[in-house]
PDB file of all heavy atoms in Angstrom:
ATOM      1  N   LEU A   1    -153.493  13.897 152.842  1.00  0.00           N
ATOM      2  CA  LEU A   1    -152.815  12.833 152.102  1.00  0.00           C
ATOM      3  C   LEU A   1    -151.443  13.288 151.623  1.00  0.00           C
ATOM      4  O   LEU A   1    -150.470  12.522 151.653  1.00  0.00           O
ATOM      5  CB  LEU A   1    -153.663  12.395 150.899  1.00  0.00           C
ATOM      6  CG  LEU A   1    -154.831  11.459 151.200  1.00  0.00           C
ATOM      7  CD1 LEU A   1    -155.673  11.249 149.958  1.00  0.00           C
ATOM      8  CD2 LEU A   1    -154.331  10.125 151.715  1.00  0.00           C
ATOM      9  N   ARG A   2    -151.357  14.550 151.190  1.00  0.00           N
ATOM     10  CA  ARG A   2    -150.085  15.051 150.681  1.00  0.00           C
ATOM     11  C   ARG A   2    -149.009  15.046 151.766  1.00  0.00           C
ATOM     12  O   ARG A   2    -147.821  14.916 151.466  1.00  0.00           O
ATOM     13  CB  ARG A   2    -150.278  16.459 150.110  1.00  0.00           C
ATOM     14  CG  ARG A   2    -149.127  16.925 149.238  1.00  0.00           C
ATOM     15  CD  ARG A   2    -149.410  18.303 148.684  1.00  0.00           C
ATOM     16  NE  ARG A   2    -150.469  18.288 147.704  1.00  0.00           N
ATOM     17  CZ  ARG A   2    -151.202  19.348 147.367  1.00  0.00           C
ATOM     18  NH1 ARG A   2    -150.985  20.502 147.956  1.00  0.00           N
ATOM     19  NH2 ARG A   2    -152.145  19.245 146.445  1.00  0.00           N
ATOM     20  N   SER A   3    -149.414  15.189 153.034  1.00  0.00           N
ATOM     21  CA  SER A   3    -148.430  15.153 154.117  1.00  0.00           C
ATOM     22  C   SER A   3    -147.815  13.779 154.273  1.00  0.00           C
ATOM     23  O   SER A   3    -146.777  13.614 154.929  1.00  0.00           O
ATOM     24  CB  SER A   3    -149.080  15.594 155.437  1.00  0.00           C
ATOM     25  OG  SER A   3    -149.983  14.600 155.911  1.00  0.00           O
ATOM     26  N   GLU A   4    -148.450  12.746 153.696  1.00  0.00           N
ATOM     27  CA  GLU A   4    -147.915  11.382 153.768  1.00  0.00           C
ATOM     28  C   GLU A   4    -147.131  11.003 152.512  1.00  0.00           C
ATOM     29  O   GLU A   4    -146.629   9.897 152.399  1.00  0.00           O
ATOM     30  CB  GLU A   4    -149.080  10.381 153.960  1.00  0.00           C
ATOM     31  CG  GLU A   4    -149.859  10.609 155.241  1.00  0.00           C
ATOM     32  CD  GLU A   4    -151.022   9.645 155.378  1.00  0.00           C
ATOM     33  OE1 GLU A   4    -151.066   8.645 154.642  1.00  0.00           O
ATOM     34  OE2 GLU A   4    -151.884   9.875 156.239  1.00  0.00           O
ATOM     35  N   ILE A   5    -147.046  11.949 151.558  1.00  0.00           N
ATOM     36  CA  ILE A   5    -146.328  11.707 150.311  1.00  0.00           C
ATOM     37  C   ILE A   5    -145.276  12.801 150.156  1.00  0.00           C
ATOM     38  O   ILE A   5    -145.601  13.956 149.896  1.00  0.00           O
ATOM     39  CB  ILE A   5    -147.277  11.717 149.092  1.00  0.00           C
ATOM     40  CG1 ILE A   5    -148.382  10.663 149.265  1.00  0.00           C
ATOM     41  CG2 ILE A   5    -146.502  11.463 147.815  1.00  0.00           C
ATOM     42  CD1 ILE A   5    -149.450  10.708 148.166  1.00  0.00           C
ATOM     43  N   GLY A   6    -144.018  12.452 150.355  1.00  0.00           N
ATOM     44  CA  GLY A   6    -142.951  13.428 150.199  1.00  0.00           C
ATOM     45  C   GLY A   6    -142.600  13.597 148.722  1.00  0.00           C
ATOM     46  O   GLY A   6    -142.673  12.654 147.946  1.00  0.00           O
ATOM     47  N   MET A   7    -142.221  14.816 148.339  1.00  0.00           N
ATOM     48  CA  MET A   7    -141.847  15.058 146.951  1.00  0.00           C
ATOM     49  C   MET A   7    -140.602  15.928 146.882  1.00  0.00           C
ATOM     50  O   MET A   7    -140.509  16.950 147.579  1.00  0.00           O
ATOM     51  CB  MET A   7    -142.988  15.711 146.182  1.00  0.00           C
ATOM     52  CG  MET A   7    -142.704  15.801 144.673  1.00  0.00           C
ATOM     53  SD  MET A   7    -144.231  15.957 143.710  1.00  0.00           S
ATOM     54  CE  MET A   7    -143.556  15.955 142.038  1.00  0.00           C
ATOM     55  N   VAL A   8    -139.668  15.517 146.038  1.00  0.00           N
ATOM     56  CA  VAL A   8    -138.439  16.269 145.796  1.00  0.00           C
ATOM     57  C   VAL A   8    -138.423  16.642 144.324  1.00  0.00           C
ATOM     58  O   VAL A   8    -138.533  15.784 143.452  1.00  0.00           O
ATOM     59  CB  VAL A   8    -137.197  15.424 146.159  1.00  0.00           C
ATOM     60  CG1 VAL A   8    -135.924  16.188 145.850  1.00  0.00           C
ATOM     61  CG2 VAL A   8    -137.246  15.025 147.636  1.00  0.00           C
ATOM     62  N   PHE A   9    -138.280  17.936 144.062  1.00  0.00           N
ATOM     63  CA  PHE A   9    -138.401  18.476 142.708  1.00  0.00           C
ATOM     64  C   PHE A   9    -137.021  18.667 142.066  1.00  0.00           C
ATOM     65  O   PHE A   9    -135.981  18.528 142.703  1.00  0.00           O
ATOM     66  CB  PHE A   9    -139.136  19.816 142.738  1.00  0.00           C
ATOM     67  CG  PHE A   9    -140.508  19.779 143.306  1.00  0.00           C
ATOM     68  CD1 PHE A   9    -140.726  19.890 144.672  1.00  0.00           C
ATOM     69  CD2 PHE A   9    -141.609  19.607 142.471  1.00  0.00           C
ATOM     70  CE1 PHE A   9    -142.012  19.843 145.195  1.00  0.00           C
ATOM     71  CE2 PHE A   9    -142.911  19.566 142.987  1.00  0.00           C
ATOM     72  CZ  PHE A   9    -143.104  19.684 144.342  1.00  0.00           C
ATOM     73  N   GLN A  10    -137.037  19.048 140.777  1.00  0.00           N
ATOM     74  CA  GLN A  10    -135.801  19.394 140.091  1.00  0.00           C
ATOM     75  C   GLN A  10    -135.125  20.564 140.788  1.00  0.00           C
ATOM     76  O   GLN A  10    -133.922  20.546 141.041  1.00  0.00           O
ATOM     77  CB  GLN A  10    -136.086  19.759 138.636  1.00  0.00           C
ATOM     78  CG  GLN A  10    -136.657  18.623 137.801  1.00  0.00           C
ATOM     79  CD  GLN A  10    -136.970  19.081 136.388  1.00  0.00           C
ATOM     80  OE1 GLN A  10    -136.306  19.956 135.849  1.00  0.00           O
ATOM     81  NE2 GLN A  10    -137.964  18.473 135.766  1.00  0.00           N
ATOM     82  N   GLN A  11    -135.892  21.612 141.048  1.00  0.00           N
ATOM     83  CA  GLN A  11    -135.401  22.754 141.798  1.00  0.00           C
ATOM     84  C   GLN A  11    -135.676  22.522 143.272  1.00  0.00           C
ATOM     85  O   GLN A  11    -136.578  21.788 143.632  1.00  0.00           O
ATOM     86  CB  GLN A  11    -136.055  24.047 141.307  1.00  0.00           C
ATOM     87  CG  GLN A  11    -135.854  24.308 139.821  1.00  0.00           C
ATOM     88  CD  GLN A  11    -134.384  24.507 139.454  1.00  0.00           C
ATOM     89  OE1 GLN A  11    -133.608  24.986 140.252  1.00  0.00           O
ATOM     90  NE2 GLN A  11    -134.027  24.106 138.227  1.00  0.00           N
ATOM     91  N   PHE A  12    -134.904  23.161 144.139  1.00  0.00           N
ATOM     92  CA  PHE A  12    -134.916  22.769 145.552  1.00  0.00           C
ATOM     93  C   PHE A  12    -136.074  23.368 146.336  1.00  0.00           C
ATOM     94  O   PHE A  12    -136.530  22.793 147.324  1.00  0.00           O
ATOM     95  CB  PHE A  12    -133.574  23.172 146.180  1.00  0.00           C
ATOM     96  CG  PHE A  12    -132.405  22.943 145.251  1.00  0.00           C
ATOM     97  CD1 PHE A  12    -131.572  23.999 144.886  1.00  0.00           C
ATOM     98  CD2 PHE A  12    -132.167  21.688 144.710  1.00  0.00           C
ATOM     99  CE1 PHE A  12    -130.506  23.789 144.002  1.00  0.00           C
ATOM    100  CE2 PHE A  12    -131.106  21.481 143.826  1.00  0.00           C
ATOM    101  CZ  PHE A  12    -130.276  22.535 143.470  1.00  0.00           C
ATOM    102  N   HIS A  13    -136.545  24.554 145.920  1.00  0.00           N
ATOM    103  CA  HIS A  13    -137.701  25.212 146.565  1.00  0.00           C
ATOM    104  C   HIS A  13    -137.506  25.394 148.069  1.00  0.00           C
ATOM    105  O   HIS A  13    -138.442  25.207 148.858  1.00  0.00           O
ATOM    106  CB  HIS A  13    -138.982  24.434 146.290  1.00  0.00           C
ATOM    107  CG  HIS A  13    -139.363  24.340 144.845  1.00  0.00           C
ATOM    108  ND1 HIS A  13    -139.527  25.453 144.045  1.00  0.00           N
ATOM    109  CD2 HIS A  13    -139.604  23.274 144.038  1.00  0.00           C
ATOM    110  CE1 HIS A  13    -139.849  25.081 142.806  1.00  0.00           C
ATOM    111  NE2 HIS A  13    -139.888  23.756 142.787  1.00  0.00           N
ATOM    112  N   LEU A  14    -136.279  25.731 148.484  1.00  0.00           N
ATOM    113  CA  LEU A  14    -136.028  26.029 149.884  1.00  0.00           C
ATOM    114  C   LEU A  14    -136.347  27.506 150.144  1.00  0.00           C
ATOM    115  O   LEU A  14    -136.210  28.342 149.272  1.00  0.00           O
ATOM    116  CB  LEU A  14    -134.563  25.752 150.238  1.00  0.00           C
ATOM    117  CG  LEU A  14    -134.083  24.316 150.027  1.00  0.00           C
ATOM    118  CD1 LEU A  14    -132.587  24.215 150.346  1.00  0.00           C
ATOM    119  CD2 LEU A  14    -134.884  23.336 150.887  1.00  0.00           C
ATOM    120  N   CYS A  15    -136.769  27.804 151.360  1.00  0.00           N
ATOM    121  CA  CYS A  15    -137.040  29.193 151.734  1.00  0.00           C
ATOM    122  C   CYS A  15    -135.710  29.896 151.994  1.00  0.00           C
ATOM    123  O   CYS A  15    -134.993  29.526 152.934  1.00  0.00           O
ATOM    124  CB  CYS A  15    -137.910  29.240 152.979  1.00  0.00           C
ATOM    125  SG  CYS A  15    -139.556  28.562 152.746  1.00  0.00           S
ATOM    126  N   PRO A  16    -135.352  30.885 151.183  1.00  0.00           N
ATOM    127  CA  PRO A  16    -134.003  31.465 151.253  1.00  0.00           C
ATOM    128  C   PRO A  16    -133.698  32.201 152.553  1.00  0.00           C
ATOM    129  O   PRO A  16    -132.532  32.301 152.949  1.00  0.00           O
ATOM    130  CB  PRO A  16    -133.975  32.427 150.059  1.00  0.00           C
ATOM    131  CG  PRO A  16    -135.411  32.759 149.785  1.00  0.00           C
ATOM    132  CD  PRO A  16    -136.177  31.522 150.134  1.00  0.00           C
ATOM    133  N   HIS A  17    -134.723  32.721 153.235  1.00  0.00           N
ATOM    134  CA  HIS A  17    -134.485  33.520 154.426  1.00  0.00           C
ATOM    135  C   HIS A  17    -134.564  32.694 155.705  1.00  0.00           C
ATOM    136  O   HIS A  17    -134.427  33.258 156.805  1.00  0.00           O
ATOM    137  CB  HIS A  17    -135.486  34.684 154.487  1.00  0.00           C
ATOM    138  CG  HIS A  17    -135.444  35.561 153.271  1.00  0.00           C
ATOM    139  ND1 HIS A  17    -134.289  36.219 152.874  1.00  0.00           N
ATOM    140  CD2 HIS A  17    -136.377  35.860 152.331  1.00  0.00           C
ATOM    141  CE1 HIS A  17    -134.521  36.908 151.775  1.00  0.00           C
ATOM    142  NE2 HIS A  17    -135.782  36.693 151.411  1.00  0.00           N
ATOM    143  N   ARG A  18    -134.754  31.399 155.558  1.00  0.00           N
ATOM    144  CA  ARG A  18    -134.766  30.495 156.719  1.00  0.00           C
ATOM    145  C   ARG A  18    -133.495  29.659 156.724  1.00  0.00           C
ATOM    146  O   ARG A  18    -132.970  29.333 155.668  1.00  0.00           O
ATOM    147  CB  ARG A  18    -136.006  29.590 156.704  1.00  0.00           C
ATOM    148  CG  ARG A  18    -137.324  30.331 156.911  1.00  0.00           C
ATOM    149  CD  ARG A  18    -138.477  29.351 156.831  1.00  0.00           C
ATOM    150  NE  ARG A  18    -139.776  30.006 156.987  1.00  0.00           N
ATOM    151  CZ  ARG A  18    -140.541  29.898 158.073  1.00  0.00           C
ATOM    152  NH1 ARG A  18    -140.125  29.176 159.095  1.00  0.00           N
ATOM    153  NH2 ARG A  18    -141.707  30.509 158.134  1.00  0.00           N
ATOM    154  N   THR A  19    -133.064  29.278 157.898  1.00  0.00           N
ATOM    155  CA  THR A  19    -131.918  28.392 157.989  1.00  0.00           C
ATOM    156  C   THR A  19    -132.289  26.991 157.497  1.00  0.00           C
ATOM    157  O   THR A  19    -133.475  26.669 157.317  1.00  0.00           O
ATOM    158  CB  THR A  19    -131.402  28.272 159.428  1.00  0.00           C
ATOM    159  OG1 THR A  19    -132.394  27.617 160.220  1.00  0.00           O
ATOM    160  CG2 THR A  19    -131.078  29.640 160.006  1.00  0.00           C
ATOM    161  N   VAL A  20    -131.276  26.165 157.302  1.00  0.00           N
ATOM    162  CA  VAL A  20    -131.515  24.768 156.920  1.00  0.00           C
ATOM    163  C   VAL A  20    -132.431  24.104 157.938  1.00  0.00           C
ATOM    164  O   VAL A  20    -133.397  23.418 157.575  1.00  0.00           O
ATOM    165  CB  VAL A  20    -130.168  24.027 156.798  1.00  0.00           C
ATOM    166  CG1 VAL A  20    -130.378  22.512 156.778  1.00  0.00           C
ATOM    167  CG2 VAL A  20    -129.426  24.471 155.540  1.00  0.00           C
ATOM    168  N   LEU A  21    -132.127  24.275 159.231  1.00  0.00           N
ATOM    169  CA  LEU A  21    -132.937  23.654 160.276  1.00  0.00           C
ATOM    170  C   LEU A  21    -134.378  24.145 160.208  1.00  0.00           C
ATOM    171  O   LEU A  21    -135.330  23.348 160.313  1.00  0.00           O
ATOM    172  CB  LEU A  21    -132.343  23.963 161.650  1.00  0.00           C
ATOM    173  CG  LEU A  21    -132.864  23.077 162.783  1.00  0.00           C
ATOM    174  CD1 LEU A  21    -132.310  21.659 162.669  1.00  0.00           C
ATOM    175  CD2 LEU A  21    -132.497  23.663 164.145  1.00  0.00           C
ATOM    176  N   GLU A  22    -134.573  25.437 159.993  1.00  0.00           N
ATOM    177  CA  GLU A  22    -135.920  25.997 159.905  1.00  0.00           C
ATOM    178  C   GLU A  22    -136.668  25.481 158.673  1.00  0.00           C
ATOM    179  O   GLU A  22    -137.884  25.234 158.745  1.00  0.00           O
ATOM    180  CB  GLU A  22    -135.852  27.518 159.891  1.00  0.00           C
ATOM    181  CG  GLU A  22    -135.428  28.111 161.225  1.00  0.00           C
ATOM    182  CD  GLU A  22    -135.082  29.589 161.131  1.00  0.00           C
ATOM    183  OE1 GLU A  22    -134.838  30.091 159.997  1.00  0.00           O
ATOM    184  OE2 GLU A  22    -135.061  30.268 162.175  1.00  0.00           O
ATOM    185  N   ASN A  23    -135.973  25.315 157.562  1.00  0.00           N
ATOM    186  CA  ASN A  23    -136.598  24.745 156.364  1.00  0.00           C
ATOM    187  C   ASN A  23    -137.131  23.341 156.631  1.00  0.00           C
ATOM    188  O   ASN A  23    -138.207  22.975 156.172  1.00  0.00           O
ATOM    189  CB  ASN A  23    -135.588  24.707 155.206  1.00  0.00           C
ATOM    190  CG  ASN A  23    -135.642  25.930 154.325  1.00  0.00           C
ATOM    191  OD1 ASN A  23    -136.461  26.036 153.423  1.00  0.00           O
ATOM    192  ND2 ASN A  23    -134.766  26.902 154.604  1.00  0.00           N
ATOM    193  N   ILE A  24    -136.371  22.552 157.380  1.00  0.00           N
ATOM    194  CA  ILE A  24    -136.756  21.165 157.623  1.00  0.00           C
ATOM    195  C   ILE A  24    -137.862  21.064 158.658  1.00  0.00           C
ATOM    196  O   ILE A  24    -138.747  20.206 158.557  1.00  0.00           O
ATOM    197  CB  ILE A  24    -135.524  20.343 158.058  1.00  0.00           C
ATOM    198  CG1 ILE A  24    -134.485  20.324 156.924  1.00  0.00           C
ATOM    199  CG2 ILE A  24    -135.923  18.913 158.433  1.00  0.00           C
ATOM    200  CD1 ILE A  24    -133.163  19.708 157.314  1.00  0.00           C
ATOM    201  N   THR A  25    -137.845  21.941 159.669  1.00  0.00           N
ATOM    202  CA  THR A  25    -138.822  21.838 160.750  1.00  0.00           C
ATOM    203  C   THR A  25    -140.156  22.522 160.430  1.00  0.00           C
ATOM    204  O   THR A  25    -141.150  22.285 161.107  1.00  0.00           O
ATOM    205  CB  THR A  25    -138.277  22.442 162.048  1.00  0.00           C
ATOM    206  OG1 THR A  25    -137.931  23.830 161.833  1.00  0.00           O
ATOM    207  CG2 THR A  25    -137.035  21.686 162.518  1.00  0.00           C
ATOM    208  N   MET A  26    -140.179  23.348 159.405  1.00  0.00           N
ATOM    209  CA  MET A  26    -141.370  24.154 159.103  1.00  0.00           C
ATOM    210  C   MET A  26    -142.609  23.285 158.893  1.00  0.00           C
ATOM    211  O   MET A  26    -143.674  23.534 159.465  1.00  0.00           O
ATOM    212  CB  MET A  26    -141.104  25.013 157.871  1.00  0.00           C
ATOM    213  CG  MET A  26    -142.225  25.985 157.507  1.00  0.00           C
ATOM    214  SD  MET A  26    -141.678  27.179 156.256  1.00  0.00           S
ATOM    215  CE  MET A  26    -140.895  26.129 155.041  1.00  0.00           C
ATOM    216  N   GLY A  27    -142.492  22.222 158.066  1.00  0.00           N
ATOM    217  CA  GLY A  27    -143.651  21.364 157.804  1.00  0.00           C
ATOM    218  C   GLY A  27    -144.169  20.647 159.040  1.00  0.00           C
ATOM    219  O   GLY A  27    -145.372  20.728 159.360  1.00  0.00           O
ATOM    220  N   PRO A  28    -143.311  19.921 159.748  1.00  0.00           N
ATOM    221  CA  PRO A  28    -143.777  19.233 160.954  1.00  0.00           C
ATOM    222  C   PRO A  28    -144.421  20.168 161.985  1.00  0.00           C
ATOM    223  O   PRO A  28    -145.438  19.829 162.588  1.00  0.00           O
ATOM    224  CB  PRO A  28    -142.499  18.593 161.516  1.00  0.00           C
ATOM    225  CG  PRO A  28    -141.657  18.378 160.317  1.00  0.00           C
ATOM    226  CD  PRO A  28    -141.919  19.544 159.413  1.00  0.00           C
ATOM    227  N   ILE A  29    -143.839  21.363 162.170  1.00  0.00           N
ATOM    228  CA  ILE A  29    -144.378  22.282 163.160  1.00  0.00           C
ATOM    229  C   ILE A  29    -145.709  22.878 162.702  1.00  0.00           C
ATOM    230  O   ILE A  29    -146.694  22.902 163.458  1.00  0.00           O
ATOM    231  CB  ILE A  29    -143.368  23.433 163.448  1.00  0.00           C
ATOM    232  CG1 ILE A  29    -142.142  22.869 164.165  1.00  0.00           C
ATOM    233  CG2 ILE A  29    -144.021  24.534 164.278  1.00  0.00           C
ATOM    234  CD1 ILE A  29    -140.985  23.855 164.278  1.00  0.00           C
ATOM    235  N   GLU A  30    -145.766  23.343 161.447  1.00  0.00           N
ATOM    236  CA  GLU A  30    -146.946  24.067 160.978  1.00  0.00           C
ATOM    237  C   GLU A  30    -148.075  23.165 160.509  1.00  0.00           C
ATOM    238  O   GLU A  30    -149.243  23.520 160.627  1.00  0.00           O
ATOM    239  CB  GLU A  30    -146.549  25.042 159.864  1.00  0.00           C
ATOM    240  CG  GLU A  30    -145.579  26.122 160.330  1.00  0.00           C
ATOM    241  CD  GLU A  30    -145.201  27.101 159.224  1.00  0.00           C
ATOM    242  OE1 GLU A  30    -145.749  26.979 158.117  1.00  0.00           O
ATOM    243  OE2 GLU A  30    -144.335  27.965 159.469  1.00  0.00           O
ATOM    244  N   VAL A  31    -147.731  21.993 159.963  1.00  0.00           N
ATOM    245  CA  VAL A  31    -148.738  21.102 159.411  1.00  0.00           C
ATOM    246  C   VAL A  31    -149.146  20.002 160.396  1.00  0.00           C
ATOM    247  O   VAL A  31    -150.313  19.678 160.540  1.00  0.00           O
ATOM    248  CB  VAL A  31    -148.264  20.482 158.085  1.00  0.00           C
ATOM    249  CG1 VAL A  31    -149.299  19.503 157.530  1.00  0.00           C
ATOM    250  CG2 VAL A  31    -147.960  21.564 157.054  1.00  0.00           C
TER     251      VAL A  31
END
């Protein structure tokens, strides 16, 4: 269910060692 509900927080919670593209593709690829 959580995969159908997107959430954007106060802090960005991006993975610092991944590129922008990798941050965005991580969920669709892994989940």
